[in-house]
Full PDB file with SEQRES, HELIX, SHEET, SSBOND, CRYST1, ORIGX, SCALE, CONECT and MASTER records, all heavy atoms in Angstrom:
SEQRES   1 A   39  ALA TYR HIS ASN ILE ARG ASP ILE ASP ASN ALA LEU ALA          
SEQRES   2 A   39  LEU PHE SER ASP LEU ARG LYS ARG ASP PRO TYR ARG ILE          
SEQRES   3 A   39  GLU ASN MET ASP THR TYR SER ASN LEU LEU TYR VAL LYS          
HELIX    1 AA1 ILE A    8  ARG A   21  1                                  14    
HELIX    2 AA2 MET A   29  VAL A   38  1                                  10    
CRYST1    1.000    1.000    1.000  90.00  90.00  90.00 P 1           1          
ORIGX1      1.000000  0.000000  0.000000        0.00000                         
ORIGX2      0.000000  1.000000  0.000000        0.00000                         
ORIGX3      0.000000  0.000000  1.000000        0.00000                         
SCALE1      1.000000  0.000000  0.000000        0.00000                         
SCALE2      0.000000  1.000000  0.000000        0.00000                         
SCALE3      0.000000  0.000000  1.000000        0.00000                         
ATOM      1  N   ALA A   1      18.041 -26.059 -14.155  1.00  0.00           N  
ATOM      2  CA  ALA A   1      17.827 -25.513 -15.500  1.00  0.00           C  
ATOM      3  C   ALA A   1      17.088 -26.519 -16.381  1.00  0.00           C  
ATOM      4  O   ALA A   1      16.136 -26.158 -17.089  1.00  0.00           O  
ATOM      5  CB  ALA A   1      19.165 -25.127 -16.128  1.00  0.00           C  
ATOM      6  N   TYR A   2      17.503 -27.780 -16.336  1.00  0.00           N  
ATOM      7  CA  TYR A   2      16.795 -28.818 -17.105  1.00  0.00           C  
ATOM      8  C   TYR A   2      15.355 -28.975 -16.612  1.00  0.00           C  
ATOM      9  O   TYR A   2      14.433 -29.195 -17.402  1.00  0.00           O  
ATOM     10  CB  TYR A   2      17.532 -30.146 -17.006  1.00  0.00           C  
ATOM     11  CG  TYR A   2      18.725 -30.253 -17.924  1.00  0.00           C  
ATOM     12  CD1 TYR A   2      19.981 -30.632 -17.449  1.00  0.00           C  
ATOM     13  CD2 TYR A   2      18.611 -29.999 -19.290  1.00  0.00           C  
ATOM     14  CE1 TYR A   2      21.078 -30.733 -18.283  1.00  0.00           C  
ATOM     15  CE2 TYR A   2      19.696 -30.100 -20.140  1.00  0.00           C  
ATOM     16  CZ  TYR A   2      20.928 -30.462 -19.629  1.00  0.00           C  
ATOM     17  OH  TYR A   2      22.006 -30.558 -20.478  1.00  0.00           O  
ATOM     18  N   HIS A   3      15.170 -28.858 -15.290  1.00  0.00           N  
ATOM     19  CA  HIS A   3      13.817 -28.921 -14.729  1.00  0.00           C  
ATOM     20  C   HIS A   3      12.946 -27.798 -15.298  1.00  0.00           C  
ATOM     21  O   HIS A   3      11.773 -28.001 -15.626  1.00  0.00           O  
ATOM     22  CB  HIS A   3      13.901 -28.816 -13.210  1.00  0.00           C  
ATOM     23  CG  HIS A   3      12.610 -28.510 -12.523  1.00  0.00           C  
ATOM     24  ND1 HIS A   3      12.201 -27.217 -12.248  1.00  0.00           N  
ATOM     25  CD2 HIS A   3      11.612 -29.302 -12.050  1.00  0.00           C  
ATOM     26  CE1 HIS A   3      11.018 -27.235 -11.650  1.00  0.00           C  
ATOM     27  NE2 HIS A   3      10.636 -28.488 -11.517  1.00  0.00           N  
ATOM     28  N   ASN A   4      13.527 -26.604 -15.444  1.00  0.00           N  
ATOM     29  CA  ASN A   4      12.764 -25.451 -15.915  1.00  0.00           C  
ATOM     30  C   ASN A   4      12.307 -25.596 -17.367  1.00  0.00           C  
ATOM     31  O   ASN A   4      11.300 -25.003 -17.756  1.00  0.00           O  
ATOM     32  CB  ASN A   4      13.587 -24.171 -15.761  1.00  0.00           C  
ATOM     33  CG  ASN A   4      13.730 -23.763 -14.306  1.00  0.00           C  
ATOM     34  OD1 ASN A   4      13.099 -24.346 -13.430  1.00  0.00           O  
ATOM     35  ND2 ASN A   4      14.555 -22.775 -14.041  1.00  0.00           N  
ATOM     36  N   ILE A   5      13.062 -26.350 -18.174  1.00  0.00           N  
ATOM     37  CA  ILE A   5      12.647 -26.552 -19.571  1.00  0.00           C  
ATOM     38  C   ILE A   5      11.979 -27.918 -19.747  1.00  0.00           C  
ATOM     39  O   ILE A   5      11.800 -28.388 -20.869  1.00  0.00           O  
ATOM     40  CB  ILE A   5      13.835 -26.404 -20.550  1.00  0.00           C  
ATOM     41  CG1 ILE A   5      14.979 -27.375 -20.201  1.00  0.00           C  
ATOM     42  CG2 ILE A   5      14.322 -24.976 -20.608  1.00  0.00           C  
ATOM     43  CD1 ILE A   5      16.082 -27.408 -21.244  1.00  0.00           C  
ATOM     44  N   ARG A   6      11.615 -28.527 -18.637  1.00  0.00           N  
ATOM     45  CA  ARG A   6      10.869 -29.803 -18.636  1.00  0.00           C  
ATOM     46  C   ARG A   6      11.648 -30.935 -19.322  1.00  0.00           C  
ATOM     47  O   ARG A   6      11.049 -31.846 -19.888  1.00  0.00           O  
ATOM     48  CB  ARG A   6       9.501 -29.610 -19.295  1.00  0.00           C  
ATOM     49  CG  ARG A   6       8.625 -28.612 -18.562  1.00  0.00           C  
ATOM     50  CD  ARG A   6       7.322 -28.345 -19.296  1.00  0.00           C  
ATOM     51  NE  ARG A   6       6.467 -29.518 -19.327  1.00  0.00           N  
ATOM     52  CZ  ARG A   6       5.645 -29.878 -18.346  1.00  0.00           C  
ATOM     53  NH1 ARG A   6       5.578 -29.153 -17.251  1.00  0.00           N  
ATOM     54  NH2 ARG A   6       4.868 -30.935 -18.466  1.00  0.00           N  
ATOM     55  N   ASP A   7      12.982 -30.862 -19.257  1.00  0.00           N  
ATOM     56  CA  ASP A   7      13.815 -31.979 -19.696  1.00  0.00           C  
ATOM     57  C   ASP A   7      13.991 -32.896 -18.487  1.00  0.00           C  
ATOM     58  O   ASP A   7      15.025 -32.903 -17.817  1.00  0.00           O  
ATOM     59  CB  ASP A   7      15.162 -31.468 -20.218  1.00  0.00           C  
ATOM     60  CG  ASP A   7      15.997 -32.563 -20.877  1.00  0.00           C  
ATOM     61  OD1 ASP A   7      15.657 -33.760 -20.688  1.00  0.00           O  
ATOM     62  OD2 ASP A   7      16.973 -32.237 -21.566  1.00  0.00           O  
ATOM     63  N   ILE A   8      12.950 -33.641 -18.212  1.00  0.00           N  
ATOM     64  CA  ILE A   8      12.847 -34.344 -16.929  1.00  0.00           C  
ATOM     65  C   ILE A   8      13.891 -35.437 -16.789  1.00  0.00           C  
ATOM     66  O   ILE A   8      14.484 -35.610 -15.712  1.00  0.00           O  
ATOM     67  CB  ILE A   8      11.421 -34.916 -16.770  1.00  0.00           C  
ATOM     68  CG1 ILE A   8      10.416 -33.761 -16.718  1.00  0.00           C  
ATOM     69  CG2 ILE A   8      11.309 -35.771 -15.513  1.00  0.00           C  
ATOM     70  CD1 ILE A   8       8.976 -34.193 -16.707  1.00  0.00           C  
ATOM     71  N   ASP A   9      14.158 -36.175 -17.859  1.00  0.00           N  
ATOM     72  CA  ASP A   9      15.103 -37.289 -17.759  1.00  0.00           C  
ATOM     73  C   ASP A   9      16.510 -36.811 -17.411  1.00  0.00           C  
ATOM     74  O   ASP A   9      17.180 -37.383 -16.543  1.00  0.00           O  
ATOM     75  CB  ASP A   9      15.117 -38.077 -19.071  1.00  0.00           C  
ATOM     76  CG  ASP A   9      13.802 -38.815 -19.308  1.00  0.00           C  
ATOM     77  OD1 ASP A   9      13.123 -39.119 -18.312  1.00  0.00           O  
ATOM     78  OD2 ASP A   9      13.457 -39.065 -20.468  1.00  0.00           O  
ATOM     79  N   ASN A  10      16.985 -35.754 -18.098  1.00  0.00           N  
ATOM     80  CA  ASN A  10      18.315 -35.215 -17.793  1.00  0.00           C  
ATOM     81  C   ASN A  10      18.367 -34.647 -16.375  1.00  0.00           C  
ATOM     82  O   ASN A  10      19.367 -34.826 -15.667  1.00  0.00           O  
ATOM     83  CB  ASN A  10      18.690 -34.123 -18.800  1.00  0.00           C  
ATOM     84  CG  ASN A  10      19.390 -34.683 -20.020  1.00  0.00           C  
ATOM     85  OD1 ASN A  10      20.104 -35.682 -19.934  1.00  0.00           O  
ATOM     86  ND2 ASN A  10      19.174 -34.068 -21.161  1.00  0.00           N  
ATOM     87  N   ALA A  11      17.315 -33.957 -15.970  1.00  0.00           N  
ATOM     88  CA  ALA A  11      17.290 -33.389 -14.622  1.00  0.00           C  
ATOM     89  C   ALA A  11      17.323 -34.488 -13.563  1.00  0.00           C  
ATOM     90  O   ALA A  11      18.054 -34.391 -12.571  1.00  0.00           O  
ATOM     91  CB  ALA A  11      16.042 -32.521 -14.454  1.00  0.00           C  
ATOM     92  N   LEU A  12      16.537 -35.551 -13.765  1.00  0.00           N  
ATOM     93  CA  LEU A  12      16.531 -36.662 -12.809  1.00  0.00           C  
ATOM     94  C   LEU A  12      17.899 -37.328 -12.720  1.00  0.00           C  
ATOM     95  O   LEU A  12      18.354 -37.679 -11.624  1.00  0.00           O  
ATOM     96  CB  LEU A  12      15.476 -37.687 -13.216  1.00  0.00           C  
ATOM     97  CG  LEU A  12      14.019 -37.367 -12.859  1.00  0.00           C  
ATOM     98  CD1 LEU A  12      13.083 -38.396 -13.483  1.00  0.00           C  
ATOM     99  CD2 LEU A  12      13.830 -37.340 -11.345  1.00  0.00           C  
ATOM    100  N   ALA A  13      18.552 -37.497 -13.867  1.00  0.00           N  
ATOM    101  CA  ALA A  13      19.877 -38.130 -13.869  1.00  0.00           C  
ATOM    102  C   ALA A  13      20.878 -37.297 -13.076  1.00  0.00           C  
ATOM    103  O   ALA A  13      21.682 -37.836 -12.301  1.00  0.00           O  
ATOM    104  CB  ALA A  13      20.349 -38.323 -15.307  1.00  0.00           C  
ATOM    105  N   LEU A  14      20.829 -35.985 -13.244  1.00  0.00           N  
ATOM    106  CA  LEU A  14      21.766 -35.111 -12.525  1.00  0.00           C  
ATOM    107  C   LEU A  14      21.479 -35.098 -11.027  1.00  0.00           C  
ATOM    108  O   LEU A  14      22.404 -35.146 -10.208  1.00  0.00           O  
ATOM    109  CB  LEU A  14      21.680 -33.691 -13.087  1.00  0.00           C  
ATOM    110  CG  LEU A  14      22.375 -33.475 -14.431  1.00  0.00           C  
ATOM    111  CD1 LEU A  14      21.996 -32.127 -15.023  1.00  0.00           C  
ATOM    112  CD2 LEU A  14      23.891 -33.555 -14.263  1.00  0.00           C  
ATOM    113  N   PHE A  15      20.212 -35.042 -10.648  1.00  0.00           N  
ATOM    114  CA  PHE A  15      19.875 -35.062  -9.222  1.00  0.00           C  
ATOM    115  C   PHE A  15      20.244 -36.401  -8.587  1.00  0.00           C  
ATOM    116  O   PHE A  15      20.695 -36.450  -7.438  1.00  0.00           O  
ATOM    117  CB  PHE A  15      18.388 -34.783  -9.021  1.00  0.00           C  
ATOM    118  CG  PHE A  15      18.050 -33.322  -8.941  1.00  0.00           C  
ATOM    119  CD1 PHE A  15      17.141 -32.747  -9.820  1.00  0.00           C  
ATOM    120  CD2 PHE A  15      18.649 -32.515  -7.979  1.00  0.00           C  
ATOM    121  CE1 PHE A  15      16.828 -31.401  -9.740  1.00  0.00           C  
ATOM    122  CE2 PHE A  15      18.336 -31.162  -7.889  1.00  0.00           C  
ATOM    123  CZ  PHE A  15      17.430 -30.610  -8.775  1.00  0.00           C  
ATOM    124  N   SER A  16      20.061 -37.479  -9.327  1.00  0.00           N  
ATOM    125  CA  SER A  16      20.442 -38.789  -8.806  1.00  0.00           C  
ATOM    126  C   SER A  16      21.951 -38.854  -8.573  1.00  0.00           C  
ATOM    127  O   SER A  16      22.417 -39.362  -7.541  1.00  0.00           O  
ATOM    128  CB  SER A  16      20.009 -39.879  -9.794  1.00  0.00           C  
ATOM    129  OG  SER A  16      20.386 -41.156  -9.337  1.00  0.00           O  
ATOM    130  N   ASP A  17      22.718 -38.315  -9.520  1.00  0.00           N  
ATOM    131  CA  ASP A  17      24.180 -38.261  -9.370  1.00  0.00           C  
ATOM    132  C   ASP A  17      24.561 -37.375  -8.185  1.00  0.00           C  
ATOM    133  O   ASP A  17      25.481 -37.693  -7.413  1.00  0.00           O  
ATOM    134  CB  ASP A  17      24.807 -37.738 -10.664  1.00  0.00           C  
ATOM    135  CG  ASP A  17      26.317 -37.586 -10.558  1.00  0.00           C  
ATOM    136  OD1 ASP A  17      27.000 -38.598 -10.321  1.00  0.00           O  
ATOM    137  OD2 ASP A  17      26.813 -36.449 -10.695  1.00  0.00           O  
ATOM    138  N   LEU A  18      23.840 -36.266  -8.031  1.00  0.00           N  
ATOM    139  CA  LEU A  18      24.119 -35.349  -6.927  1.00  0.00           C  
ATOM    140  C   LEU A  18      23.877 -36.024  -5.580  1.00  0.00           C  
ATOM    141  O   LEU A  18      24.637 -35.827  -4.626  1.00  0.00           O  
ATOM    142  CB  LEU A  18      23.227 -34.112  -7.073  1.00  0.00           C  
ATOM    143  CG  LEU A  18      23.536 -32.905  -6.194  1.00  0.00           C  
ATOM    144  CD1 LEU A  18      24.913 -32.336  -6.496  1.00  0.00           C  
ATOM    145  CD2 LEU A  18      22.475 -31.832  -6.396  1.00  0.00           C  
ATOM    146  N   ARG A  19      22.822 -36.834  -5.491  1.00  0.00           N  
ATOM    147  CA  ARG A  19      22.528 -37.555  -4.252  1.00  0.00           C  
ATOM    148  C   ARG A  19      23.639 -38.552  -3.907  1.00  0.00           C  
ATOM    149  O   ARG A  19      23.957 -38.753  -2.730  1.00  0.00           O  
ATOM    150  CB  ARG A  19      21.202 -38.304  -4.388  1.00  0.00           C  
ATOM    151  CG  ARG A  19      19.986 -37.423  -4.396  1.00  0.00           C  
ATOM    152  CD  ARG A  19      19.499 -37.102  -2.999  1.00  0.00           C  
ATOM    153  NE  ARG A  19      19.007 -38.285  -2.310  1.00  0.00           N  
ATOM    154  CZ  ARG A  19      18.836 -38.373  -0.990  1.00  0.00           C  
ATOM    155  NH1 ARG A  19      19.146 -37.362  -0.222  1.00  0.00           N  
ATOM    156  NH2 ARG A  19      18.371 -39.476  -0.451  1.00  0.00           N  
ATOM    157  N   LYS A  20      24.230 -39.159  -4.931  1.00  0.00           N  
ATOM    158  CA  LYS A  20      25.323 -40.101  -4.682  1.00  0.00           C  
ATOM    159  C   LYS A  20      26.572 -39.375  -4.202  1.00  0.00           C  
ATOM    160  O   LYS A  20      27.286 -39.849  -3.317  1.00  0.00           O  
ATOM    161  CB  LYS A  20      25.630 -40.885  -5.958  1.00  0.00           C  
ATOM    162  CG  LYS A  20      24.531 -41.858  -6.365  1.00  0.00           C  
ATOM    163  CD  LYS A  20      24.837 -42.508  -7.695  1.00  0.00           C  
ATOM    164  CE  LYS A  20      23.688 -43.412  -8.142  1.00  0.00           C  
ATOM    165  NZ  LYS A  20      23.920 -43.959  -9.506  1.00  0.00           N  
ATOM    166  N   ARG A  21      26.839 -38.214  -4.790  1.00  0.00           N  
ATOM    167  CA  ARG A  21      28.033 -37.453  -4.433  1.00  0.00           C  
ATOM    168  C   ARG A  21      27.899 -36.769  -3.081  1.00  0.00           C  
ATOM    169  O   ARG A  21      28.886 -36.595  -2.360  1.00  0.00           O  
ATOM    170  CB  ARG A  21      28.329 -36.406  -5.516  1.00  0.00           C  
ATOM    171  CG  ARG A  21      28.759 -37.017  -6.834  1.00  0.00           C  
ATOM    172  CD  ARG A  21      28.761 -35.999  -7.969  1.00  0.00           C  
ATOM    173  NE  ARG A  21      29.648 -34.872  -7.727  1.00  0.00           N  
ATOM    174  CZ  ARG A  21      29.858 -33.899  -8.606  1.00  0.00           C  
ATOM    175  NH1 ARG A  21      29.231 -33.905  -9.771  1.00  0.00           N  
ATOM    176  NH2 ARG A  21      30.684 -32.908  -8.333  1.00  0.00           N  
ATOM    177  N   ASP A  22      26.679 -36.329  -2.756  1.00  0.00           N  
ATOM    178  CA  ASP A  22      26.448 -35.566  -1.523  1.00  0.00           C  
ATOM    179  C   ASP A  22      25.130 -36.049  -0.902  1.00  0.00           C  
ATOM    180  O   ASP A  22      24.106 -35.372  -0.964  1.00  0.00           O  
ATOM    181  CB  ASP A  22      26.377 -34.075  -1.861  1.00  0.00           C  
ATOM    182  CG  ASP A  22      26.454 -33.189  -0.618  1.00  0.00           C  
ATOM    183  OD1 ASP A  22      26.485 -33.750   0.495  1.00  0.00           O  
ATOM    184  OD2 ASP A  22      26.471 -31.959  -0.765  1.00  0.00           O  
ATOM    185  N   PRO A  23      25.139 -37.251  -0.280  1.00  0.00           N  
ATOM    186  CA  PRO A  23      23.878 -37.875   0.161  1.00  0.00           C  
ATOM    187  C   PRO A  23      23.148 -37.117   1.259  1.00  0.00           C  
ATOM    188  O   PRO A  23      21.964 -37.356   1.482  1.00  0.00           O  
ATOM    189  CB  PRO A  23      24.321 -39.256   0.647  1.00  0.00           C  
ATOM    190  CG  PRO A  23      25.775 -39.112   0.956  1.00  0.00           C  
ATOM    191  CD  PRO A  23      26.305 -38.103  -0.010  1.00  0.00           C  
ATOM    192  N   TYR A  24      23.828 -36.219   1.963  1.00  0.00           N  
ATOM    193  CA  TYR A  24      23.179 -35.478   3.043  1.00  0.00           C  
ATOM    194  C   TYR A  24      22.793 -34.057   2.614  1.00  0.00           C  
ATOM    195  O   TYR A  24      22.408 -33.241   3.449  1.00  0.00           O  
ATOM    196  CB  TYR A  24      24.079 -35.434   4.283  1.00  0.00           C  
ATOM    197  CG  TYR A  24      24.247 -36.794   4.906  1.00  0.00           C  
ATOM    198  CD1 TYR A  24      25.341 -37.594   4.598  1.00  0.00           C  
ATOM    199  CD2 TYR A  24      23.291 -37.305   5.779  1.00  0.00           C  
ATOM    200  CE1 TYR A  24      25.472 -38.858   5.142  1.00  0.00           C  
ATOM    201  CE2 TYR A  24      23.423 -38.559   6.333  1.00  0.00           C  
ATOM    202  CZ  TYR A  24      24.519 -39.331   6.004  1.00  0.00           C  
ATOM    203  OH  TYR A  24      24.644 -40.592   6.549  1.00  0.00           O  
ATOM    204  N   ARG A  25      22.874 -33.784   1.338  1.00  0.00           N  
ATOM    205  CA  ARG A  25      22.481 -32.472   0.825  1.00  0.00           C  
ATOM    206  C   ARG A  25      20.956 -32.338   0.871  1.00  0.00           C  
ATOM    207  O   ARG A  25      20.232 -33.252   0.477  1.00  0.00           O  
ATOM    208  CB  ARG A  25      22.973 -32.304  -0.613  1.00  0.00           C  
ATOM    209  CG  ARG A  25      22.608 -30.962  -1.251  1.00  0.00           C  
ATOM    210  CD  ARG A  25      22.947 -30.932  -2.732  1.00  0.00           C  
ATOM    211  NE  ARG A  25      22.579 -29.664  -3.333  1.00  0.00           N  
ATOM    212  CZ  ARG A  25      23.374 -28.625  -3.462  1.00  0.00           C  
ATOM    213  NH1 ARG A  25      24.619 -28.715  -3.045  1.00  0.00           N  
ATOM    214  NH2 ARG A  25      22.959 -27.497  -4.015  1.00  0.00           N  
ATOM    215  N   ILE A  26      20.476 -31.191   1.336  1.00  0.00           N  
ATOM    216  CA  ILE A  26      19.035 -30.934   1.392  1.00  0.00           C  
ATOM    217  C   ILE A  26      18.619 -29.858   0.385  1.00  0.00           C  
ATOM    218  O   ILE A  26      17.507 -29.890  -0.135  1.00  0.00           O  
ATOM    219  CB  ILE A  26      18.613 -30.528   2.822  1.00  0.00           C  
ATOM    220  CG1 ILE A  26      18.841 -31.709   3.777  1.00  0.00           C  
ATOM    221  CG2 ILE A  26      17.155 -30.106   2.870  1.00  0.00           C  
ATOM    222  CD1 ILE A  26      18.450 -31.430   5.209  1.00  0.00           C  
ATOM    223  N   GLU A  27      19.534 -28.937   0.078  1.00  0.00           N  
ATOM    224  CA  GLU A  27      19.199 -27.896  -0.881  1.00  0.00           C  
ATOM    225  C   GLU A  27      18.787 -28.488  -2.227  1.00  0.00           C  
ATOM    226  O   GLU A  27      19.383 -29.450  -2.695  1.00  0.00           O  
ATOM    227  CB  GLU A  27      20.392 -26.947  -1.120  1.00  0.00           C  
ATOM    228  CG  GLU A  27      20.778 -26.108   0.069  1.00  0.00           C  
ATOM    229  CD  GLU A  27      21.814 -26.787   0.928  1.00  0.00           C  
ATOM    230  OE1 GLU A  27      21.934 -28.029   0.859  1.00  0.00           O  
ATOM    231  OE2 GLU A  27      22.514 -26.077   1.682  1.00  0.00           O  
ATOM    232  N   ASN A  28      17.757 -27.918  -2.829  1.00  0.00           N  
ATOM    233  CA  ASN A  28      17.245 -28.297  -4.154  1.00  0.00           C  
ATOM    234  C   ASN A  28      16.521 -29.634  -4.183  1.00  0.00           C  
ATOM    235  O   ASN A  28      16.033 -30.049  -5.238  1.00  0.00           O  
ATOM    236  CB  ASN A  28      18.371 -28.317  -5.215  1.00  0.00           C  
ATOM    237  CG  ASN A  28      19.157 -27.042  -5.271  1.00  0.00           C  
ATOM    238  OD1 ASN A  28      20.347 -27.018  -4.965  1.00  0.00           O  
ATOM    239  ND2 ASN A  28      18.495 -25.961  -5.675  1.00  0.00           N  
ATOM    240  N   MET A  29      16.438 -30.324  -3.032  1.00  0.00           N  
ATOM    241  CA  MET A  29      15.772 -31.624  -3.055  1.00  0.00           C  
ATOM    242  C   MET A  29      14.261 -31.501  -3.249  1.00  0.00           C  
ATOM    243  O   MET A  29      13.616 -32.444  -3.684  1.00  0.00           O  
ATOM    244  CB  MET A  29      16.081 -32.395  -1.770  1.00  0.00           C  
ATOM    245  CG  MET A  29      17.515 -32.905  -1.672  1.00  0.00           C  
ATOM    246  SD  MET A  29      17.974 -34.023  -3.019  1.00  0.00           S  
ATOM    247  CE  MET A  29      19.091 -32.980  -3.969  1.00  0.00           C  
ATOM    248  N   ASP A  30      13.705 -30.332  -2.945  1.00  0.00           N  
ATOM    249  CA  ASP A  30      12.288 -30.134  -3.241  1.00  0.00           C  
ATOM    250  C   ASP A  30      12.050 -30.093  -4.751  1.00  0.00           C  
ATOM    251  O   ASP A  30      11.037 -30.594  -5.249  1.00  0.00           O  
ATOM    252  CB  ASP A  30      11.762 -28.863  -2.572  1.00  0.00           C  
ATOM    253  CG  ASP A  30      12.617 -27.647  -2.858  1.00  0.00           C  
ATOM    254  OD1 ASP A  30      13.815 -27.807  -3.174  1.00  0.00           O  
ATOM    255  OD2 ASP A  30      12.103 -26.514  -2.765  1.00  0.00           O  
ATOM    256  N   THR A  31      13.012 -29.532  -5.497  1.00  0.00           N  
ATOM    257  CA  THR A  31      12.923 -29.553  -6.964  1.00  0.00           C  
ATOM    258  C   THR A  31      13.025 -30.983  -7.479  1.00  0.00           C  
ATOM    259  O   THR A  31      12.298 -31.385  -8.400  1.00  0.00           O  
ATOM    260  CB  THR A  31      14.036 -28.686  -7.576  1.00  0.00           C  
ATOM    261  OG1 THR A  31      13.962 -27.361  -7.047  1.00  0.00           O  
ATOM    262  CG2 THR A  31      13.907 -28.626  -9.099  1.00  0.00           C  
ATOM    263  N   TYR A  32      13.928 -31.758  -6.886  1.00  0.00           N  
ATOM    264  CA  TYR A  32      14.057 -33.171  -7.247  1.00  0.00           C  
ATOM    265  C   TYR A  32      12.736 -33.906  -7.001  1.00  0.00           C  
ATOM    266  O   TYR A  32      12.279 -34.710  -7.819  1.00  0.00           O  
ATOM    267  CB  TYR A  32      15.188 -33.783  -6.422  1.00  0.00           C  
ATOM    268  CG  TYR A  32      15.515 -35.228  -6.714  1.00  0.00           C  
ATOM    269  CD1 TYR A  32      15.323 -35.783  -7.982  1.00  0.00           C  
ATOM    270  CD2 TYR A  32      16.033 -36.050  -5.721  1.00  0.00           C  
ATOM    271  CE1 TYR A  32      15.631 -37.102  -8.250  1.00  0.00           C  
ATOM    272  CE2 TYR A  32      16.352 -37.373  -5.974  1.00  0.00           C  
ATOM    273  CZ  TYR A  32      16.141 -37.897  -7.231  1.00  0.00           C  
ATOM    274  OH  TYR A  32      16.449 -39.220  -7.494  1.00  0.00           O  
ATOM    275  N   SER A  33      12.086 -33.583  -5.875  1.00  0.00           N  
ATOM    276  CA  SER A  33      10.824 -34.252  -5.572  1.00  0.00           C  
ATOM    277  C   SER A  33       9.728 -33.859  -6.568  1.00  0.00           C  
ATOM    278  O   SER A  33       8.844 -34.667  -6.876  1.00  0.00           O  
ATOM    279  CB  SER A  33      10.380 -33.926  -4.143  1.00  0.00           C  
ATOM    280  OG  SER A  33       9.910 -32.598  -4.022  1.00  0.00           O  
ATOM    281  N   ASN A  34       9.782 -32.617  -7.084  1.00  0.00           N  
ATOM    282  CA  ASN A  34       8.825 -32.215  -8.119  1.00  0.00           C  
ATOM    283  C   ASN A  34       8.946 -33.101  -9.358  1.00  0.00           C  
ATOM    284  O   ASN A  34       7.947 -33.490  -9.971  1.00  0.00           O  
ATOM    285  CB  ASN A  34       9.057 -30.751  -8.526  1.00  0.00           C  
ATOM    286  CG  ASN A  34       8.725 -29.774  -7.423  1.00  0.00           C  
ATOM    287  OD1 ASN A  34       8.022 -30.114  -6.478  1.00  0.00           O  
ATOM    288  ND2 ASN A  34       9.239 -28.567  -7.527  1.00  0.00           N  
ATOM    289  N   LEU A  35      10.188 -33.413  -9.722  1.00  0.00           N  
ATOM    290  CA  LEU A  35      10.437 -34.260 -10.897  1.00  0.00           C  
ATOM    291  C   LEU A  35       9.929 -35.680 -10.654  1.00  0.00           C  
ATOM    292  O   LEU A  35       9.310 -36.289 -11.542  1.00  0.00           O  
ATOM    293  CB  LEU A  35      11.932 -34.277 -11.215  1.00  0.00           C  
ATOM    294  CG  LEU A  35      12.535 -32.937 -11.653  1.00  0.00           C  
ATOM    295  CD1 LEU A  35      14.051 -32.987 -11.554  1.00  0.00           C  
ATOM    296  CD2 LEU A  35      12.111 -32.600 -13.077  1.00  0.00           C  
ATOM    297  N   LEU A  36      10.197 -36.213  -9.467  1.00  0.00           N  
ATOM    298  CA  LEU A  36       9.710 -37.552  -9.138  1.00  0.00           C  
ATOM    299  C   LEU A  36       8.177 -37.578  -9.124  1.00  0.00           C  
ATOM    300  O   LEU A  36       7.564 -38.561  -9.536  1.00  0.00           O  
ATOM    301  CB  LEU A  36      10.250 -37.982  -7.771  1.00  0.00           C  
ATOM    302  CG  LEU A  36      11.773 -38.157  -7.680  1.00  0.00           C  
ATOM    303  CD1 LEU A  36      12.195 -38.417  -6.232  1.00  0.00           C  
ATOM    304  CD2 LEU A  36      12.248 -39.298  -8.573  1.00  0.00           C  
ATOM    305  N   TYR A  37       7.581 -36.484  -8.685  1.00  0.00           N  
ATOM    306  CA  TYR A  37       6.120 -36.367  -8.675  1.00  0.00           C  
ATOM    307  C   TYR A  37       5.567 -36.409 -10.098  1.00  0.00           C  
ATOM    308  O   TYR A  37       4.609 -37.142 -10.381  1.00  0.00           O  
ATOM    309  CB  TYR A  37       5.742 -35.056  -7.992  1.00  0.00           C  
ATOM    310  CG  TYR A  37       4.251 -34.787  -7.905  1.00  0.00           C  
ATOM    311  CD1 TYR A  37       3.535 -35.117  -6.762  1.00  0.00           C  
ATOM    312  CD2 TYR A  37       3.566 -34.190  -8.964  1.00  0.00           C  
ATOM    313  CE1 TYR A  37       2.178 -34.870  -6.672  1.00  0.00           C  
ATOM    314  CE2 TYR A  37       2.206 -33.946  -8.888  1.00  0.00           C  
ATOM    315  CZ  TYR A  37       1.522 -34.283  -7.746  1.00  0.00           C  
ATOM    316  OH  TYR A  37       0.179 -34.038  -7.670  1.00  0.00           O  
ATOM    317  N   VAL A  38       6.179 -35.641 -10.991  1.00  0.00           N  
ATOM    318  CA  VAL A  38       5.708 -35.584 -12.377  1.00  0.00           C  
ATOM    319  C   VAL A  38       5.820 -36.952 -13.048  1.00  0.00           C  
ATOM    320  O   VAL A  38       4.945 -37.364 -13.826  1.00  0.00           O  
ATOM    321  CB  VAL A  38       6.502 -34.518 -13.169  1.00  0.00           C  
ATOM    322  CG1 VAL A  38       6.215 -34.611 -14.664  1.00  0.00           C  
ATOM    323  CG2 VAL A  38       6.164 -33.126 -12.661  1.00  0.00           C  
ATOM    324  N   LYS A  39       6.890 -37.680 -12.746  1.00  0.00           N  
ATOM    325  CA  LYS A  39       7.108 -39.007 -13.343  1.00  0.00           C  
ATOM    326  C   LYS A  39       6.373 -40.115 -12.584  1.00  0.00           C  
ATOM    327  O   LYS A  39       6.497 -41.291 -12.924  1.00  0.00           O  
ATOM    328  CB  LYS A  39       8.606 -39.328 -13.382  1.00  0.00           C  
ATOM    329  CG  LYS A  39       9.415 -38.412 -14.283  1.00  0.00           C  
ATOM    330  CD  LYS A  39       9.098 -38.606 -15.753  1.00  0.00           C  
ATOM    331  CE  LYS A  39       9.804 -39.799 -16.323  1.00  0.00           C  
ATOM    332  NZ  LYS A  39       9.641 -39.910 -17.787  1.00  0.00           N  
TER     333      LYS A  39                                                      
MASTER        0    0    0    2    0    0    0    6  332    1    0    3          
END                                                                             
């Protein structure tokens, strides 16, 4: 949702936290990569 409104910093923080909690998760990681690409 934060990604969709271009609130990139909040979205990156949440995805980073998600990676720590579930490091083998693959779902939504393409969205995370879009944010890293933009930044």
